Amino acid sequence: MTLLPINKTVRISKKSIELDQINLNTNSLSGDLIDGGTITNFSSTGIKDTANTTQITVQDGLVEIEKDFRIKGKIVADKLEYVEAQVPKLNVVTAVMINHNEVLWKDRLGASVQHSSLTTLGTLKNLKVSNTLFVEGNRVGINTQTPGADFSVQSNGYEIGTRHTGDTGFVGTMTHTPFSIGTDNTPRLIIKSNGDITTEHKVGIGVKNPTESLEVAGNIKFANKIFASGDGVPTAGAWTTGSVIWNNNPEINQSVGWICVKGGTPGNWRPFGLVR
């Protein structure tokens, strides 16, 4: 059998040669000698090709991949651009940036974030809104970063706060300034800086619609004396000397009321003010 030299240009027809007539040694066939043709099954130590259709197209400046592209290792790229990405878990070492602007860090939002539409917020340790809101150390301040109470509002140099003092809650000014309560944007009850309370309106105690400056539904007490009304001297209860019971139904030749001349339970009483 005659072997044909592989490095000599000879026109050989398909019918004039058989595969066993070609003597190919290891690495004797170079890709430089191959121009065109179709490889139906190709593999090497580092590459294995079992595709039935074209999957990778290499052009000048562009490599096109028809279907999914899976990398089991890592990708190192000088520049990575993508149109759309779906990433179940993204591990960023330092920060997420958009157009070279910091958007998200591990422990904070980036400095470029100016607006947000948060609907749920977790536990905050402190919150500061420039010149408006301050929240830190169980205290809240409006227009102040040094609230004097648990909740303080400052306006025109005056601070109003709410806190707990002793066994009661407290609402009032935090400095030596008056405090007022009102309606219709008008002060109705004024507490002066020395503690005096004044009002220019009627006051009712137990009365919904008072008709006098002070109207009380029930007994009153001042200077340790009780003033009440009734049909006669009391038969029960503790009464102090000087207390007065006003007669509910005074008539001619009857007393206006009764006065306690000796305190006790119910004490000693005498009529006074005969009606004529």
Protein backbone atom coordinates (compact mmCIF):
# COMPACT_ATOMS: atom_id res chain seq x y z
CA MET A 1 0.00 0.00 0.00
CA THR A 2 1.35 3.42 -1.01
CA LEU A 3 1.14 6.26 1.55
CA LEU A 4 0.59 9.76 0.27
CA PRO A 5 2.69 12.61 1.66
CA ILE A 6 0.51 15.05 3.61
CA ASN A 7 2.73 18.09 3.04
CA LYS A 8 2.68 17.90 -0.74
CA THR A 9 -0.02 19.65 -2.70
CA VAL A 10 -1.81 16.91 -4.63
CA ARG A 11 -5.31 17.13 -6.04
CA ILE A 12 -7.07 14.13 -4.59
CA SER A 13 -10.65 13.34 -5.32
CA LYS A 14 -12.99 11.99 -2.60
CA LYS A 15 -13.20 8.64 -4.37
CA SER A 16 -9.45 8.16 -4.88
CA ILE A 17 -8.40 8.04 -1.21
CA GLU A 18 -9.27 5.95 1.77
CA LEU A 19 -8.72 6.92 5.44
CA ASP A 20 -6.31 4.02 5.99
CA GLN A 21 -4.11 5.42 3.19
CA ILE A 22 -3.29 8.53 5.34
CA ASN A 23 -0.56 8.20 7.95
CA LEU A 24 -1.25 10.83 10.66
CA ASN A 25 1.09 11.05 13.60
CA THR A 26 0.20 12.81 16.92
CA ASN A 27 -0.09 16.60 16.47
CA SER A 28 0.79 16.24 12.77
CA LEU A 29 -2.46 17.88 11.61
CA SER A 30 -2.32 21.69 12.19
CA GLY A 31 -5.23 24.06 12.16
CA ASP A 32 -3.30 26.15 9.67
CA LEU A 33 -3.96 23.42 7.10
CA ILE A 34 -7.74 23.52 7.70
CA ASP A 35 -9.86 26.08 5.91
CA GLY A 36 -13.62 25.69 6.18
CA GLY A 37 -15.50 22.52 6.84
CA THR A 38 -17.84 21.46 9.58
CA ILE A 39 -16.77 19.79 12.83
CA THR A 40 -19.65 17.68 14.15
CA ASN A 41 -18.01 16.52 17.36
CA PHE A 42 -14.98 18.27 18.76
CA SER A 43 -13.19 17.87 22.07
CA SER A 44 -9.82 18.51 23.63
CA THR A 45 -8.30 18.49 27.07
CA GLY A 46 -9.90 21.87 27.85
CA ILE A 47 -12.82 22.08 25.41
CA LYS A 48 -15.66 19.74 24.57
CA ASP A 49 -18.20 20.60 21.86
CA THR A 50 -21.39 18.52 21.59
CA ALA A 51 -23.65 21.18 20.08
CA ASN A 52 -25.93 20.37 17.15
CA THR A 53 -26.41 24.00 16.09
CA THR A 54 -24.28 27.14 16.18
CA GLN A 55 -24.05 28.44 19.77
CA ILE A 56 -21.09 30.85 19.65
CA THR A 57 -20.36 33.32 16.85
CA VAL A 58 -17.06 35.18 16.95
CA GLN A 59 -16.83 38.47 15.06
CA ASP A 60 -14.43 41.35 15.13
CA GLY A 61 -15.16 43.13 18.44
CA LEU A 62 -18.12 40.92 19.37
CA VAL A 63 -18.79 37.41 20.61
CA GLU A 64 -22.42 36.30 20.44
CA ILE A 65 -23.80 33.45 22.58
CA GLU A 66 -27.19 32.13 21.52
CA LYS A 67 -28.36 30.57 24.80
CA ASP A 68 -27.51 30.43 28.50
CA PHE A 69 -23.93 31.06 29.55
CA ARG A 70 -22.85 29.42 32.81
CA ILE A 71 -19.58 30.13 34.61
CA LYS A 72 -18.85 27.89 37.61
CA GLY A 73 -15.89 30.01 38.65
CA LYS A 74 -15.70 33.80 38.87
CA ILE A 75 -15.74 36.42 36.11
CA VAL A 76 -13.00 39.02 36.07
CA ALA A 77 -13.83 41.90 33.75
CA ASP A 78 -12.36 45.35 33.29
CA LYS A 79 -15.84 46.66 32.48
CA LEU A 80 -19.18 44.89 32.84
CA GLU A 81 -22.35 46.21 31.22
CA TYR A 82 -25.79 44.58 31.20
CA VAL A 83 -29.27 45.49 30.03
CA GLU A 84 -31.21 43.50 32.61
CA ALA A 85 -30.12 41.18 35.43
CA GLN A 86 -31.86 38.83 37.84
CA VAL A 87 -29.63 38.03 40.81
CA PRO A 88 -30.99 35.91 43.70
CA LYS A 89 -28.02 36.91 45.87
CA LEU A 90 -25.62 39.74 45.12
CA ASN A 91 -22.47 40.06 47.22
CA VAL A 92 -20.97 43.53 46.88
CA VAL A 93 -17.72 44.14 48.73
CA THR A 94 -17.90 47.89 49.34
CA ALA A 95 -20.93 49.74 47.96
CA VAL A 96 -23.57 49.77 45.25
CA MET A 97 -23.12 52.72 42.92
CA ILE A 98 -25.18 54.16 40.08
CA ASN A 99 -23.36 56.35 37.59
CA HIS A 100 -20.48 56.65 40.10
CA ASN A 101 -22.86 57.82 42.86
CA GLU A 102 -22.98 55.92 46.17
CA VAL A 103 -26.45 54.40 46.65
CA LEU A 104 -26.11 51.68 49.27
CA TRP A 105 -23.52 50.64 51.83
CA LYS A 106 -23.54 47.70 54.22
CA ASP A 107 -24.72 49.81 57.17
CA ARG A 108 -26.27 52.91 55.59
CA LEU A 109 -27.79 54.51 52.52
CA GLY A 110 -25.44 56.26 50.17
CA ALA A 111 -24.90 60.00 50.33
CA SER A 112 -26.58 60.45 46.95
CA VAL A 113 -29.98 59.14 48.20
CA GLN A 114 -32.18 62.20 48.72
CA HIS A 115 -35.72 60.80 48.53
CA SER A 116 -37.48 57.65 49.75
CA SER A 117 -40.97 56.11 49.77
CA LEU A 118 -40.55 53.80 52.77
CA THR A 119 -43.79 52.32 54.10
CA THR A 120 -42.33 50.31 56.99
CA LEU A 121 -39.39 51.26 59.17
CA GLY A 122 -37.67 49.15 61.81
CA THR A 123 -36.31 50.28 65.18
CA LEU A 124 -34.36 53.54 65.05
CA LYS A 125 -31.79 54.46 67.68
CA ASN A 126 -31.94 58.14 66.77
CA LEU A 127 -33.41 60.39 64.11
CA LYS A 128 -32.53 63.93 63.17
CA VAL A 129 -34.32 66.11 60.62
CA SER A 130 -32.46 69.34 60.01
CA ASN A 131 -33.82 72.17 62.21
CA THR A 132 -37.12 70.33 62.72
CA LEU A 133 -37.11 66.92 64.42
CA PHE A 134 -34.78 65.32 66.98
CA VAL A 135 -35.25 61.82 68.43
CA GLU A 136 -32.64 60.30 70.73
CA GLY A 137 -32.35 58.80 74.23
CA ASN A 138 -36.14 58.38 74.77
CA ARG A 139 -36.72 62.07 74.04
CA VAL A 140 -38.36 63.83 71.10
CA GLY A 141 -37.76 67.45 70.23
CA ILE A 142 -39.51 69.66 67.68
CA ASN A 143 -37.39 72.65 66.62
CA THR A 144 -34.89 71.76 69.35
CA GLN A 145 -32.01 69.30 69.62
CA THR A 146 -31.91 69.59 73.42
CA PRO A 147 -35.48 68.79 74.57
CA GLY A 148 -36.02 69.48 78.26
CA ALA A 149 -38.84 66.92 78.54
CA ASP A 150 -39.80 63.55 77.04
CA PHE A 151 -41.57 65.49 74.28
CA SER A 152 -40.76 69.15 73.69
CA VAL A 153 -41.85 71.74 71.15
CA GLN A 154 -39.96 75.02 70.86
CA SER A 155 -41.34 78.12 69.17
CA ASN A 156 -39.96 81.66 69.29
CA GLY A 157 -37.64 80.73 72.14
CA TYR A 158 -40.40 79.16 74.30
CA GLU A 159 -40.36 75.44 75.03
CA ILE A 160 -43.48 73.44 75.89
CA GLY A 161 -42.99 69.89 77.09
CA THR A 162 -44.76 66.82 78.37
CA ARG A 163 -43.26 64.48 80.95
CA HIS A 164 -44.03 62.51 84.08
CA THR A 165 -43.38 64.17 87.42
CA GLY A 166 -44.02 62.44 90.72
CA ASP A 167 -47.26 60.52 90.39
CA THR A 168 -48.77 62.75 87.69
CA GLY A 169 -48.23 63.69 84.09
CA PHE A 170 -47.13 67.20 83.24
CA VAL A 171 -47.77 69.55 80.32
CA GLY A 172 -46.40 73.07 80.40
CA THR A 173 -43.52 75.45 79.73
CA MET A 174 -40.00 74.33 80.58
CA THR A 175 -38.85 77.84 81.58
CA HIS A 176 -40.17 80.68 83.77
CA THR A 177 -42.85 81.69 81.27
CA PRO A 178 -46.68 81.64 81.31
CA PHE A 179 -48.70 78.78 79.86
CA SER A 180 -52.19 78.99 78.39
CA ILE A 181 -54.88 76.62 77.18
CA GLY A 182 -57.41 77.82 74.66
CA THR A 183 -59.75 77.29 71.75
CA ASP A 184 -60.18 79.01 68.40
CA ASN A 185 -56.49 79.97 68.54
CA THR A 186 -57.29 82.12 71.58
CA PRO A 187 -55.97 81.65 75.16
CA ARG A 188 -58.87 80.83 77.51
CA LEU A 189 -57.13 79.68 80.68
CA ILE A 190 -53.81 81.30 81.59
CA ILE A 191 -51.32 79.99 84.12
CA LYS A 192 -48.90 82.76 85.01
CA SER A 193 -45.20 82.19 85.66
CA ASN A 194 -45.82 82.42 89.43
CA GLY A 195 -48.58 79.77 89.27
CA ASP A 196 -51.61 82.10 89.40
CA ILE A 197 -54.51 80.95 87.20
CA THR A 198 -56.73 83.49 85.47
CA THR A 199 -59.60 83.40 83.02
CA GLU A 200 -61.97 85.98 81.59
CA HIS A 201 -64.72 83.43 81.05
CA LYS A 202 -67.24 81.52 83.15
CA VAL A 203 -66.10 78.47 85.08
CA GLY A 204 -68.41 75.56 85.82
CA ILE A 205 -67.61 72.68 88.16
CA GLY A 206 -70.01 69.84 87.55
CA VAL A 207 -71.97 72.24 85.30
CA LYS A 208 -71.91 71.95 81.52
CA ASN A 209 -73.11 75.46 80.71
CA PRO A 210 -72.35 77.85 83.59
CA THR A 211 -74.28 81.13 83.63
CA GLU A 212 -72.20 82.82 86.34
CA SER A 213 -68.48 83.52 86.66
CA LEU A 214 -68.22 80.49 88.97
CA GLU A 215 -70.95 77.86 89.17
CA VAL A 216 -70.59 74.71 91.26
CA ALA A 217 -72.91 71.72 91.34
CA GLY A 218 -72.39 70.64 94.96
CA ASN A 219 -70.69 71.78 98.14
CA ILE A 220 -67.78 74.20 98.19
CA LYS A 221 -65.06 74.70 100.79
CA PHE A 222 -62.75 77.64 101.49
CA ALA A 223 -60.81 78.70 104.57
CA ASN A 224 -61.53 75.22 105.96
CA LYS A 225 -65.28 75.95 106.01
CA ILE A 226 -67.90 73.99 104.05
CA PHE A 227 -70.80 75.73 102.35
CA ALA A 228 -73.75 73.60 101.28
CA SER A 229 -77.54 73.73 100.91
CA GLY A 230 -80.22 71.57 102.51
CA ASP A 231 -83.58 71.37 104.26
CA GLY A 232 -82.12 71.33 107.79
CA VAL A 233 -79.03 70.72 109.87
CA PRO A 234 -76.98 67.70 108.80
CA THR A 235 -77.30 64.47 110.72
CA ALA A 236 -74.11 62.81 109.41
CA GLY A 237 -70.69 63.63 108.09
CA ALA A 238 -67.76 65.59 109.47
CA TRP A 239 -68.22 69.38 109.61
CA THR A 240 -65.87 72.16 110.68
CA THR A 241 -66.74 75.18 112.82
CA GLY A 242 -68.09 78.01 110.69
CA SER A 243 -69.55 75.71 108.01
CA VAL A 244 -72.94 76.85 106.67
CA ILE A 245 -76.01 75.03 105.39
CA TRP A 246 -78.22 77.32 103.30
CA ASN A 247 -81.96 76.68 103.58
CA ASN A 248 -83.35 75.25 100.34
CA ASN A 249 -86.85 76.61 101.08
CA PRO A 250 -86.60 79.79 103.18
CA GLU A 251 -89.93 81.31 104.34
CA ILE A 252 -91.07 84.22 106.52
CA ASN A 253 -90.18 83.75 110.18
CA GLN A 254 -87.74 80.98 109.26
CA SER A 255 -83.93 81.06 109.20
CA VAL A 256 -81.90 81.64 106.09
CA GLY A 257 -79.75 78.69 107.08
CA TRP A 258 -77.74 76.99 109.83
CA ILE A 259 -74.18 77.51 110.99
CA CYS A 260 -71.90 75.03 112.72
CA VAL A 261 -70.79 76.51 116.07
CA LYS A 262 -68.72 73.50 117.03
CA GLY A 263 -67.16 71.14 114.56
CA GLY A 264 -67.77 67.43 114.77
CA THR A 265 -69.76 64.55 113.33
CA PRO A 266 -72.15 66.09 112.60
CA GLY A 267 -71.23 68.95 115.03
CA ASN A 268 -73.42 71.55 116.83
CA TRP A 269 -75.61 73.81 114.69
CA ARG A 270 -77.63 76.99 115.21
CA PRO A 271 -80.03 78.80 112.87
CA PHE A 272 -79.15 82.26 111.57
CA GLY A 273 -80.75 85.04 109.52
CA LEU A 274 -84.45 85.13 110.37
CA VAL A 275 -86.56 86.00 107.34
CA ARG A 276 -89.13 88.77 108.05
